[in-house]
Amino acid sequence: ATLFLSAGVPMLVGGDEIGRTQHGNNNGYAQDNEISWVN
């Protein structure tokens, strides 16, 4: 809500709108598996 109510341009990451998780991994760029895939 804060993002879309704010002046400026909102940037939404695909997957956040459906609760995508990387199970606490915050650097999964090299993980071509369930960590980085969209379920």
Full PDB file with SEQRES, HELIX, SHEET, SSBOND, CRYST1, ORIGX, SCALE, CONECT and MASTER records, all heavy atoms in Angstrom:
SEQRES   1 A   39  ALA THR LEU PHE LEU SER ALA GLY VAL PRO MET LEU VAL          
SEQRES   2 A   39  GLY GLY ASP GLU ILE GLY ARG THR GLN HIS GLY ASN ASN          
SEQRES   3 A   39  ASN GLY TYR ALA GLN ASP ASN GLU ILE SER TRP VAL ASN          
HELIX    1 AA1 THR A    2  LEU A    5  1                                   4    
HELIX    2 AA2 ASP A   16  ILE A   18  5                                   3    
HELIX    3 AA3 GLY A   28  ALA A   30  5                                   3    
CRYST1    1.000    1.000    1.000  90.00  90.00  90.00 P 1           1          
ORIGX1      1.000000  0.000000  0.000000        0.00000                         
ORIGX2      0.000000  1.000000  0.000000        0.00000                         
ORIGX3      0.000000  0.000000  1.000000        0.00000                         
SCALE1      1.000000  0.000000  0.000000        0.00000                         
SCALE2      0.000000  1.000000  0.000000        0.00000                         
SCALE3      0.000000  0.000000  1.000000        0.00000                         
ATOM      1  N   ALA A   1       0.833  -1.199   0.000  1.00  0.00           N  
ATOM      2  CA  ALA A   1       0.000   0.000   0.000  1.00  0.00           C  
ATOM      3  C   ALA A   1       0.869   1.251   0.000  1.00  0.00           C  
ATOM      4  O   ALA A   1       0.612   2.198  -0.755  1.00  0.00           O  
ATOM      5  CB  ALA A   1      -0.932  -0.004   1.210  1.00  0.00           C  
ATOM      6  N   THR A   2       1.906   1.274   0.827  1.00  0.00           N  
ATOM      7  CA  THR A   2       2.800   2.427   0.851  1.00  0.00           C  
ATOM      8  C   THR A   2       3.422   2.657  -0.515  1.00  0.00           C  
ATOM      9  O   THR A   2       3.517   3.797  -0.987  1.00  0.00           O  
ATOM     10  CB  THR A   2       3.900   2.220   1.907  1.00  0.00           C  
ATOM     11  OG1 THR A   2       3.303   1.967   3.187  1.00  0.00           O  
ATOM     12  CG2 THR A   2       4.789   3.443   2.006  1.00  0.00           C  
ATOM     13  N   LEU A   3       3.827   1.575  -1.170  1.00  0.00           N  
ATOM     14  CA  LEU A   3       4.451   1.683  -2.491  1.00  0.00           C  
ATOM     15  C   LEU A   3       3.508   2.326  -3.501  1.00  0.00           C  
ATOM     16  O   LEU A   3       3.876   3.261  -4.222  1.00  0.00           O  
ATOM     17  CB  LEU A   3       4.879   0.290  -2.960  1.00  0.00           C  
ATOM     18  CG  LEU A   3       5.491   0.192  -4.355  1.00  0.00           C  
ATOM     19  CD1 LEU A   3       6.814   0.952  -4.415  1.00  0.00           C  
ATOM     20  CD2 LEU A   3       5.704  -1.273  -4.732  1.00  0.00           C  
ATOM     21  N   PHE A   4       2.268   1.859  -3.564  1.00  0.00           N  
ATOM     22  CA  PHE A   4       1.356   2.320  -4.610  1.00  0.00           C  
ATOM     23  C   PHE A   4       0.661   3.632  -4.258  1.00  0.00           C  
ATOM     24  O   PHE A   4       0.091   4.276  -5.140  1.00  0.00           O  
ATOM     25  CB  PHE A   4       0.325   1.235  -4.920  1.00  0.00           C  
ATOM     26  CG  PHE A   4       0.860   0.162  -5.811  1.00  0.00           C  
ATOM     27  CD1 PHE A   4       1.362  -1.010  -5.277  1.00  0.00           C  
ATOM     28  CD2 PHE A   4       0.891   0.326  -7.184  1.00  0.00           C  
ATOM     29  CE1 PHE A   4       1.880  -2.003  -6.094  1.00  0.00           C  
ATOM     30  CE2 PHE A   4       1.403  -0.655  -8.008  1.00  0.00           C  
ATOM     31  CZ  PHE A   4       1.903  -1.832  -7.467  1.00  0.00           C  
ATOM     32  N   LEU A   5       0.726   4.052  -3.004  1.00  0.00           N  
ATOM     33  CA  LEU A   5       0.139   5.322  -2.610  1.00  0.00           C  
ATOM     34  C   LEU A   5       1.144   6.469  -2.660  1.00  0.00           C  
ATOM     35  O   LEU A   5       0.774   7.629  -2.465  1.00  0.00           O  
ATOM     36  CB  LEU A   5      -0.436   5.232  -1.192  1.00  0.00           C  
ATOM     37  CG  LEU A   5      -1.613   4.268  -1.002  1.00  0.00           C  
ATOM     38  CD1 LEU A   5      -1.959   4.152   0.480  1.00  0.00           C  
ATOM     39  CD2 LEU A   5      -2.834   4.712  -1.806  1.00  0.00           C  
ATOM     40  N   SER A   6       2.400   6.167  -2.935  1.00  0.00           N  
ATOM     41  CA  SER A   6       3.459   7.170  -2.894  1.00  0.00           C  
ATOM     42  C   SER A   6       3.625   7.868  -4.233  1.00  0.00           C  
ATOM     43  O   SER A   6       3.470   7.253  -5.302  1.00  0.00           O  
ATOM     44  CB  SER A   6       4.789   6.523  -2.490  1.00  0.00           C  
ATOM     45  OG  SER A   6       4.733   6.024  -1.179  1.00  0.00           O  
ATOM     46  N   ALA A   7       3.976   9.164  -4.171  1.00  0.00           N  
ATOM     47  CA  ALA A   7       4.309   9.906  -5.383  1.00  0.00           C  
ATOM     48  C   ALA A   7       5.614   9.368  -5.954  1.00  0.00           C  
ATOM     49  O   ALA A   7       6.513   8.974  -5.226  1.00  0.00           O  
ATOM     50  CB  ALA A   7       4.444  11.393  -5.062  1.00  0.00           C  
ATOM     51  N   GLY A   8       5.714   9.381  -7.270  1.00  0.00           N  
ATOM     52  CA  GLY A   8       6.839   8.768  -7.944  1.00  0.00           C  
ATOM     53  C   GLY A   8       6.352   7.601  -8.781  1.00  0.00           C  
ATOM     54  O   GLY A   8       5.168   7.513  -9.116  1.00  0.00           O  
ATOM     55  N   VAL A   9       7.248   6.699  -9.105  1.00  0.00           N  
ATOM     56  CA  VAL A   9       6.921   5.545  -9.953  1.00  0.00           C  
ATOM     57  C   VAL A   9       7.088   4.267  -9.129  1.00  0.00           C  
ATOM     58  O   VAL A   9       8.191   3.983  -8.659  1.00  0.00           O  
ATOM     59  CB  VAL A   9       7.833   5.484 -11.193  1.00  0.00           C  
ATOM     60  CG1 VAL A   9       7.479   4.290 -12.067  1.00  0.00           C  
ATOM     61  CG2 VAL A   9       7.727   6.783 -11.990  1.00  0.00           C  
ATOM     62  N   PRO A  10       6.021   3.496  -8.930  1.00  0.00           N  
ATOM     63  CA  PRO A  10       6.161   2.264  -8.146  1.00  0.00           C  
ATOM     64  C   PRO A  10       6.819   1.145  -8.953  1.00  0.00           C  
ATOM     65  O   PRO A  10       6.504   0.951 -10.125  1.00  0.00           O  
ATOM     66  CB  PRO A  10       4.714   1.903  -7.791  1.00  0.00           C  
ATOM     67  CG  PRO A  10       3.904   2.481  -8.903  1.00  0.00           C  
ATOM     68  CD  PRO A  10       4.626   3.731  -9.349  1.00  0.00           C  
ATOM     69  N   MET A  11       7.741   0.430  -8.326  1.00  0.00           N  
ATOM     70  CA  MET A  11       8.374  -0.731  -8.948  1.00  0.00           C  
ATOM     71  C   MET A  11       8.047  -1.970  -8.117  1.00  0.00           C  
ATOM     72  O   MET A  11       8.441  -2.068  -6.953  1.00  0.00           O  
ATOM     73  CB  MET A  11       9.896  -0.549  -9.047  1.00  0.00           C  
ATOM     74  CG  MET A  11      10.588  -1.703  -9.769  1.00  0.00           C  
ATOM     75  SD  MET A  11      12.365  -1.450  -9.989  1.00  0.00           S  
ATOM     76  CE  MET A  11      12.984  -1.862  -8.353  1.00  0.00           C  
ATOM     77  N   LEU A  12       7.300  -2.883  -8.694  1.00  0.00           N  
ATOM     78  CA  LEU A  12       6.888  -4.114  -8.022  1.00  0.00           C  
ATOM     79  C   LEU A  12       7.656  -5.288  -8.604  1.00  0.00           C  
ATOM     80  O   LEU A  12       7.701  -5.461  -9.825  1.00  0.00           O  
ATOM     81  CB  LEU A  12       5.387  -4.331  -8.209  1.00  0.00           C  
ATOM     82  CG  LEU A  12       4.791  -5.614  -7.628  1.00  0.00           C  
ATOM     83  CD1 LEU A  12       4.856  -5.603  -6.111  1.00  0.00           C  
ATOM     84  CD2 LEU A  12       3.355  -5.796  -8.098  1.00  0.00           C  
ATOM     85  N   VAL A  13       8.252  -6.091  -7.746  1.00  0.00           N  
ATOM     86  CA  VAL A  13       8.989  -7.277  -8.195  1.00  0.00           C  
ATOM     87  C   VAL A  13       8.012  -8.413  -8.459  1.00  0.00           C  
ATOM     88  O   VAL A  13       7.180  -8.742  -7.597  1.00  0.00           O  
ATOM     89  CB  VAL A  13      10.026  -7.702  -7.140  1.00  0.00           C  
ATOM     90  CG1 VAL A  13      10.740  -8.983  -7.580  1.00  0.00           C  
ATOM     91  CG2 VAL A  13      11.036  -6.595  -6.919  1.00  0.00           C  
ATOM     92  N   GLY A  14       8.091  -9.003  -9.641  1.00  0.00           N  
ATOM     93  CA  GLY A  14       7.223 -10.121  -9.962  1.00  0.00           C  
ATOM     94  C   GLY A  14       7.379 -11.258  -8.964  1.00  0.00           C  
ATOM     95  O   GLY A  14       8.502 -11.692  -8.678  1.00  0.00           O  
ATOM     96  N   GLY A  15       6.273 -11.708  -8.434  1.00  0.00           N  
ATOM     97  CA  GLY A  15       6.272 -12.766  -7.423  1.00  0.00           C  
ATOM     98  C   GLY A  15       5.890 -12.248  -6.054  1.00  0.00           C  
ATOM     99  O   GLY A  15       5.314 -12.984  -5.244  1.00  0.00           O  
ATOM    100  N   ASP A  16       6.208 -10.976  -5.768  1.00  0.00           N  
ATOM    101  CA  ASP A  16       5.837 -10.421  -4.468  1.00  0.00           C  
ATOM    102  C   ASP A  16       4.324 -10.355  -4.305  1.00  0.00           C  
ATOM    103  O   ASP A  16       3.812 -10.403  -3.184  1.00  0.00           O  
ATOM    104  CB  ASP A  16       6.429  -9.020  -4.306  1.00  0.00           C  
ATOM    105  CG  ASP A  16       7.879  -9.054  -3.846  1.00  0.00           C  
ATOM    106  OD1 ASP A  16       8.395 -10.156  -3.573  1.00  0.00           O  
ATOM    107  OD2 ASP A  16       8.496  -7.970  -3.752  1.00  0.00           O  
ATOM    108  N   GLU A  17       3.597 -10.247  -5.423  1.00  0.00           N  
ATOM    109  CA  GLU A  17       2.140 -10.137  -5.340  1.00  0.00           C  
ATOM    110  C   GLU A  17       1.474 -11.462  -5.013  1.00  0.00           C  
ATOM    111  O   GLU A  17       0.272 -11.501  -4.718  1.00  0.00           O  
ATOM    112  CB  GLU A  17       1.578  -9.571  -6.656  1.00  0.00           C  
ATOM    113  CG  GLU A  17       1.482 -10.565  -7.788  1.00  0.00           C  
ATOM    114  CD  GLU A  17       2.802 -10.854  -8.486  1.00  0.00           C  
ATOM    115  OE1 GLU A  17       3.866 -10.404  -8.001  1.00  0.00           O  
ATOM    116  OE2 GLU A  17       2.785 -11.539  -9.532  1.00  0.00           O  
ATOM    117  N   ILE A  18       2.246 -12.554  -5.015  1.00  0.00           N  
ATOM    118  CA  ILE A  18       1.699 -13.859  -4.660  1.00  0.00           C  
ATOM    119  C   ILE A  18       2.510 -14.533  -3.551  1.00  0.00           C  
ATOM    120  O   ILE A  18       2.372 -15.730  -3.312  1.00  0.00           O  
ATOM    121  CB  ILE A  18       1.598 -14.795  -5.885  1.00  0.00           C  
ATOM    122  CG1 ILE A  18       2.961 -14.978  -6.567  1.00  0.00           C  
ATOM    123  CG2 ILE A  18       0.575 -14.273  -6.871  1.00  0.00           C  
ATOM    124  CD1 ILE A  18       2.944 -15.999  -7.699  1.00  0.00           C  
ATOM    125  N   GLY A  19       3.352 -13.763  -2.865  1.00  0.00           N  
ATOM    126  CA  GLY A  19       4.067 -14.284  -1.710  1.00  0.00           C  
ATOM    127  C   GLY A  19       5.237 -15.182  -2.030  1.00  0.00           C  
ATOM    128  O   GLY A  19       5.543 -16.103  -1.254  1.00  0.00           O  
ATOM    129  N   ARG A  20       5.951 -14.934  -3.130  1.00  0.00           N  
ATOM    130  CA  ARG A  20       7.105 -15.782  -3.475  1.00  0.00           C  
ATOM    131  C   ARG A  20       8.173 -15.695  -2.391  1.00  0.00           C  
ATOM    132  O   ARG A  20       8.449 -14.630  -1.860  1.00  0.00           O  
ATOM    133  CB  ARG A  20       7.713 -15.347  -4.812  1.00  0.00           C  
ATOM    134  CG  ARG A  20       8.775 -16.310  -5.336  1.00  0.00           C  
ATOM    135  CD  ARG A  20       9.316 -15.871  -6.689  1.00  0.00           C  
ATOM    136  NE  ARG A  20      10.295 -14.800  -6.563  1.00  0.00           N  
ATOM    137  CZ  ARG A  20      11.589 -15.006  -6.349  1.00  0.00           C  
ATOM    138  NH1 ARG A  20      12.071 -16.249  -6.207  1.00  0.00           N  
ATOM    139  NH2 ARG A  20      12.419 -13.988  -6.259  1.00  0.00           N  
ATOM    140  N   THR A  21       8.766 -16.836  -2.063  1.00  0.00           N  
ATOM    141  CA  THR A  21       9.801 -16.889  -1.038  1.00  0.00           C  
ATOM    142  C   THR A  21      11.061 -17.531  -1.601  1.00  0.00           C  
ATOM    143  O   THR A  21      11.003 -18.387  -2.491  1.00  0.00           O  
ATOM    144  CB  THR A  21       9.337 -17.699   0.186  1.00  0.00           C  
ATOM    145  OG1 THR A  21      10.422 -17.799   1.130  1.00  0.00           O  
ATOM    146  CG2 THR A  21       8.895 -19.110  -0.198  1.00  0.00           C  
ATOM    147  N   GLN A  22      12.202 -17.087  -1.098  1.00  0.00           N  
ATOM    148  CA  GLN A  22      13.485 -17.748  -1.358  1.00  0.00           C  
ATOM    149  C   GLN A  22      14.013 -18.380  -0.069  1.00  0.00           C  
ATOM    150  O   GLN A  22      15.197 -18.671   0.039  1.00  0.00           O  
ATOM    151  CB  GLN A  22      14.503 -16.756  -1.935  1.00  0.00           C  
ATOM    152  CG  GLN A  22      14.113 -16.273  -3.324  1.00  0.00           C  
ATOM    153  CD  GLN A  22      15.157 -15.401  -3.999  1.00  0.00           C  
ATOM    154  OE1 GLN A  22      15.085 -15.169  -5.206  1.00  0.00           O  
ATOM    155  NE2 GLN A  22      16.141 -14.901  -3.257  1.00  0.00           N  
ATOM    156  N   HIS A  23      13.106 -18.571   0.902  1.00  0.00           N  
ATOM    157  CA  HIS A  23      13.418 -19.251   2.158  1.00  0.00           C  
ATOM    158  C   HIS A  23      14.571 -18.572   2.886  1.00  0.00           C  
ATOM    159  O   HIS A  23      15.420 -19.244   3.486  1.00  0.00           O  
ATOM    160  CB  HIS A  23      13.726 -20.727   1.900  1.00  0.00           C  
ATOM    161  CG  HIS A  23      12.687 -21.412   1.062  1.00  0.00           C  
ATOM    162  ND1 HIS A  23      11.411 -21.665   1.511  1.00  0.00           N  
ATOM    163  CD2 HIS A  23      12.716 -21.850  -0.240  1.00  0.00           C  
ATOM    164  CE1 HIS A  23      10.709 -22.247   0.547  1.00  0.00           C  
ATOM    165  NE2 HIS A  23      11.470 -22.359  -0.523  1.00  0.00           N  
ATOM    166  N   GLY A  24      14.584 -17.243   2.833  1.00  0.00           N  
ATOM    167  CA  GLY A  24      15.589 -16.480   3.552  1.00  0.00           C  
ATOM    168  C   GLY A  24      16.871 -16.247   2.787  1.00  0.00           C  
ATOM    169  O   GLY A  24      17.778 -15.586   3.302  1.00  0.00           O  
ATOM    170  N   ASN A  25      16.988 -16.762   1.585  1.00  0.00           N  
ATOM    171  CA  ASN A  25      18.174 -16.526   0.756  1.00  0.00           C  
ATOM    172  C   ASN A  25      18.032 -15.158   0.092  1.00  0.00           C  
ATOM    173  O   ASN A  25      17.094 -14.921  -0.661  1.00  0.00           O  
ATOM    174  CB  ASN A  25      18.293 -17.624  -0.303  1.00  0.00           C  
ATOM    175  CG  ASN A  25      19.647 -17.615  -1.006  1.00  0.00           C  
ATOM    176  OD1 ASN A  25      20.194 -16.568  -1.303  1.00  0.00           O  
ATOM    177  ND2 ASN A  25      20.168 -18.811  -1.266  1.00  0.00           N  
ATOM    178  N   ASN A  26      18.958 -14.250   0.382  1.00  0.00           N  
ATOM    179  CA  ASN A  26      18.840 -12.914  -0.190  1.00  0.00           C  
ATOM    180  C   ASN A  26      19.863 -12.647  -1.289  1.00  0.00           C  
ATOM    181  O   ASN A  26      20.121 -11.498  -1.659  1.00  0.00           O  
ATOM    182  CB  ASN A  26      18.957 -11.840   0.904  1.00  0.00           C  
ATOM    183  CG  ASN A  26      20.369 -11.672   1.449  1.00  0.00           C  
ATOM    184  OD1 ASN A  26      21.281 -12.436   1.121  1.00  0.00           O  
ATOM    185  ND2 ASN A  26      20.554 -10.662   2.285  1.00  0.00           N  
ATOM    186  N   ASN A  27      20.425 -13.733  -1.827  1.00  0.00           N  
ATOM    187  CA  ASN A  27      21.415 -13.588  -2.900  1.00  0.00           C  
ATOM    188  C   ASN A  27      21.328 -14.793  -3.822  1.00  0.00           C  
ATOM    189  O   ASN A  27      22.320 -15.458  -4.109  1.00  0.00           O  
ATOM    190  CB  ASN A  27      22.825 -13.456  -2.299  1.00  0.00           C  
ATOM    191  CG  ASN A  27      23.844 -12.986  -3.322  1.00  0.00           C  
ATOM    192  OD1 ASN A  27      23.514 -12.224  -4.225  1.00  0.00           O  
ATOM    193  ND2 ASN A  27      25.085 -13.430  -3.169  1.00  0.00           N  
ATOM    194  N   GLY A  28      20.106 -15.070  -4.291  1.00  0.00           N  
ATOM    195  CA  GLY A  28      19.864 -16.304  -5.043  1.00  0.00           C  
ATOM    196  C   GLY A  28      20.064 -16.194  -6.536  1.00  0.00           C  
ATOM    197  O   GLY A  28      19.521 -17.009  -7.291  1.00  0.00           O  
ATOM    198  N   TYR A  29      20.846 -15.220  -7.002  1.00  0.00           N  
ATOM    199  CA  TYR A  29      20.964 -14.993  -8.449  1.00  0.00           C  
ATOM    200  C   TYR A  29      21.558 -16.185  -9.193  1.00  0.00           C  
ATOM    201  O   TYR A  29      21.277 -16.387 -10.379  1.00  0.00           O  
ATOM    202  CB  TYR A  29      21.821 -13.749  -8.716  1.00  0.00           C  
ATOM    203  CG  TYR A  29      23.294 -13.941  -8.467  1.00  0.00           C  
ATOM    204  CD1 TYR A  29      24.167 -14.251  -9.507  1.00  0.00           C  
ATOM    205  CD2 TYR A  29      23.828 -13.829  -7.183  1.00  0.00           C  
ATOM    206  CE1 TYR A  29      25.512 -14.432  -9.282  1.00  0.00           C  
ATOM    207  CE2 TYR A  29      25.175 -14.019  -6.956  1.00  0.00           C  
ATOM    208  CZ  TYR A  29      26.009 -14.313  -8.005  1.00  0.00           C  
ATOM    209  OH  TYR A  29      27.339 -14.511  -7.775  1.00  0.00           O  
ATOM    210  N   ALA A  30      22.370 -16.993  -8.516  1.00  0.00           N  
ATOM    211  CA  ALA A  30      23.015 -18.127  -9.188  1.00  0.00           C  
ATOM    212  C   ALA A  30      22.261 -19.434  -8.983  1.00  0.00           C  
ATOM    213  O   ALA A  30      22.720 -20.491  -9.420  1.00  0.00           O  
ATOM    214  CB  ALA A  30      24.447 -18.284  -8.675  1.00  0.00           C  
ATOM    215  N   GLN A  31      21.112 -19.388  -8.344  1.00  0.00           N  
ATOM    216  CA  GLN A  31      20.351 -20.588  -8.028  1.00  0.00           C  
ATOM    217  C   GLN A  31      19.256 -20.811  -9.075  1.00  0.00           C  
ATOM    218  O   GLN A  31      18.233 -20.146  -9.067  1.00  0.00           O  
ATOM    219  CB  GLN A  31      19.726 -20.465  -6.632  1.00  0.00           C  
ATOM    220  CG  GLN A  31      20.727 -20.322  -5.503  1.00  0.00           C  
ATOM    221  CD  GLN A  31      21.496 -21.607  -5.244  1.00  0.00           C  
ATOM    222  OE1 GLN A  31      21.178 -22.658  -5.775  1.00  0.00           O  
ATOM    223  NE2 GLN A  31      22.534 -21.515  -4.424  1.00  0.00           N  
ATOM    224  N   ASP A  32      19.506 -21.750  -9.977  1.00  0.00           N  
ATOM    225  CA  ASP A  32      18.497 -22.100 -10.994  1.00  0.00           C  
ATOM    226  C   ASP A  32      17.728 -23.320 -10.495  1.00  0.00           C  
ATOM    227  O   ASP A  32      17.879 -24.432 -10.990  1.00  0.00           O  
ATOM    228  CB  ASP A  32      19.178 -22.379 -12.334  1.00  0.00           C  
ATOM    229  CG  ASP A  32      18.173 -22.633 -13.445  1.00  0.00           C  
ATOM    230  OD1 ASP A  32      16.973 -22.364 -13.236  1.00  0.00           O  
ATOM    231  OD2 ASP A  32      18.576 -23.115 -14.519  1.00  0.00           O  
ATOM    232  N   ASN A  33      16.915 -23.100  -9.467  1.00  0.00           N  
ATOM    233  CA  ASN A  33      16.171 -24.182  -8.836  1.00  0.00           C  
ATOM    234  C   ASN A  33      14.994 -23.575  -8.072  1.00  0.00           C  
ATOM    235  O   ASN A  33      14.636 -22.419  -8.289  1.00  0.00           O  
ATOM    236  CB  ASN A  33      17.089 -25.001  -7.910  1.00  0.00           C  
ATOM    237  CG  ASN A  33      17.853 -24.113  -6.940  1.00  0.00           C  
ATOM    238  OD1 ASN A  33      17.315 -23.162  -6.384  1.00  0.00           O  
ATOM    239  ND2 ASN A  33      19.143 -24.410  -6.756  1.00  0.00           N  
ATOM    240  N   GLU A  34      14.423 -24.333  -7.155  1.00  0.00           N  
ATOM    241  CA  GLU A  34      13.241 -23.873  -6.432  1.00  0.00           C  
ATOM    242  C   GLU A  34      13.479 -22.607  -5.627  1.00  0.00           C  
ATOM    243  O   GLU A  34      12.532 -21.893  -5.284  1.00  0.00           O  
ATOM    244  CB  GLU A  34      12.725 -24.981  -5.502  1.00  0.00           C  
ATOM    245  CG  GLU A  34      12.070 -26.156  -6.209  1.00  0.00           C  
ATOM    246  CD  GLU A  34      13.093 -27.169  -6.703  1.00  0.00           C  
ATOM    247  OE1 GLU A  34      14.327 -26.915  -6.536  1.00  0.00           O  
ATOM    248  OE2 GLU A  34      12.677 -28.203  -7.254  1.00  0.00           O  
ATOM    249  N   ILE A  35      14.743 -22.308  -5.304  1.00  0.00           N  
ATOM    250  CA  ILE A  35      15.029 -21.088  -4.549  1.00  0.00           C  
ATOM    251  C   ILE A  35      14.638 -19.851  -5.350  1.00  0.00           C  
ATOM    252  O   ILE A  35      14.042 -18.908  -4.820  1.00  0.00           O  
ATOM    253  CB  ILE A  35      16.520 -21.032  -4.151  1.00  0.00           C  
ATOM    254  CG1 ILE A  35      16.836 -22.125  -3.114  1.00  0.00           C  
ATOM    255  CG2 ILE A  35      16.894 -19.653  -3.606  1.00  0.00           C  
ATOM    256  CD1 ILE A  35      18.300 -22.204  -2.742  1.00  0.00           C  
ATOM    257  N   SER A  36      14.951 -19.842  -6.641  1.00  0.00           N  
ATOM    258  CA  SER A  36      14.724 -18.636  -7.442  1.00  0.00           C  
ATOM    259  C   SER A  36      13.551 -18.753  -8.406  1.00  0.00           C  
ATOM    260  O   SER A  36      13.142 -17.744  -8.987  1.00  0.00           O  
ATOM    261  CB  SER A  36      16.002 -18.297  -8.237  1.00  0.00           C  
ATOM    262  OG  SER A  36      16.334 -19.366  -9.111  1.00  0.00           O  
ATOM    263  N   TRP A  37      13.021 -19.934  -8.610  1.00  0.00           N  
ATOM    264  CA  TRP A  37      11.884 -20.084  -9.514  1.00  0.00           C  
ATOM    265  C   TRP A  37      10.617 -19.486  -8.898  1.00  0.00           C  
ATOM    266  O   TRP A  37      10.486 -19.350  -7.678  1.00  0.00           O  
ATOM    267  CB  TRP A  37      11.620 -21.560  -9.815  1.00  0.00           C  
ATOM    268  CG  TRP A  37      12.714 -22.233 -10.592  1.00  0.00           C  
ATOM    269  CD1 TRP A  37      13.714 -21.636 -11.309  1.00  0.00           C  
ATOM    270  CD2 TRP A  37      12.918 -23.639 -10.710  1.00  0.00           C  
ATOM    271  NE1 TRP A  37      14.531 -22.577 -11.859  1.00  0.00           N  
ATOM    272  CE2 TRP A  37      14.076 -23.819 -11.521  1.00  0.00           C  
ATOM    273  CE3 TRP A  37      12.264 -24.760 -10.225  1.00  0.00           C  
ATOM    274  CZ2 TRP A  37      14.564 -25.077 -11.854  1.00  0.00           C  
ATOM    275  CZ3 TRP A  37      12.745 -26.018 -10.551  1.00  0.00           C  
ATOM    276  CH2 TRP A  37      13.877 -26.176 -11.361  1.00  0.00           C  
ATOM    277  N   VAL A  38       9.665 -19.160  -9.765  1.00  0.00           N  
ATOM    278  CA  VAL A  38       8.342 -18.739  -9.312  1.00  0.00           C  
ATOM    279  C   VAL A  38       7.440 -19.972  -9.236  1.00  0.00           C  
ATOM    280  O   VAL A  38       7.242 -20.667 -10.236  1.00  0.00           O  
ATOM    281  CB  VAL A  38       7.723 -17.698 -10.259  1.00  0.00           C  
ATOM    282  CG1 VAL A  38       6.288 -17.370  -9.826  1.00  0.00           C  
ATOM    283  CG2 VAL A  38       8.569 -16.432 -10.283  1.00  0.00           C  
ATOM    284  N   ASN A  39       6.917 -20.251  -8.065  1.00  0.00           N  
ATOM    285  CA  ASN A  39       5.978 -21.352  -7.867  1.00  0.00           C  
ATOM    286  C   ASN A  39       4.569 -20.810  -8.100  1.00  0.00           C  
ATOM    287  O   ASN A  39       4.011 -20.108  -7.259  1.00  0.00           O  
ATOM    288  CB  ASN A  39       6.120 -21.909  -6.456  1.00  0.00           C  
ATOM    289  CG  ASN A  39       5.126 -23.017  -6.166  1.00  0.00           C  
ATOM    290  OD1 ASN A  39       4.352 -23.427  -7.036  1.00  0.00           O  
ATOM    291  ND2 ASN A  39       5.140 -23.515  -4.940  1.00  0.00           N  
TER     292      ASN A  39                                                      
MASTER        0    0    0    3    0    0    0    6  291    1    0    3          
END                                                                             
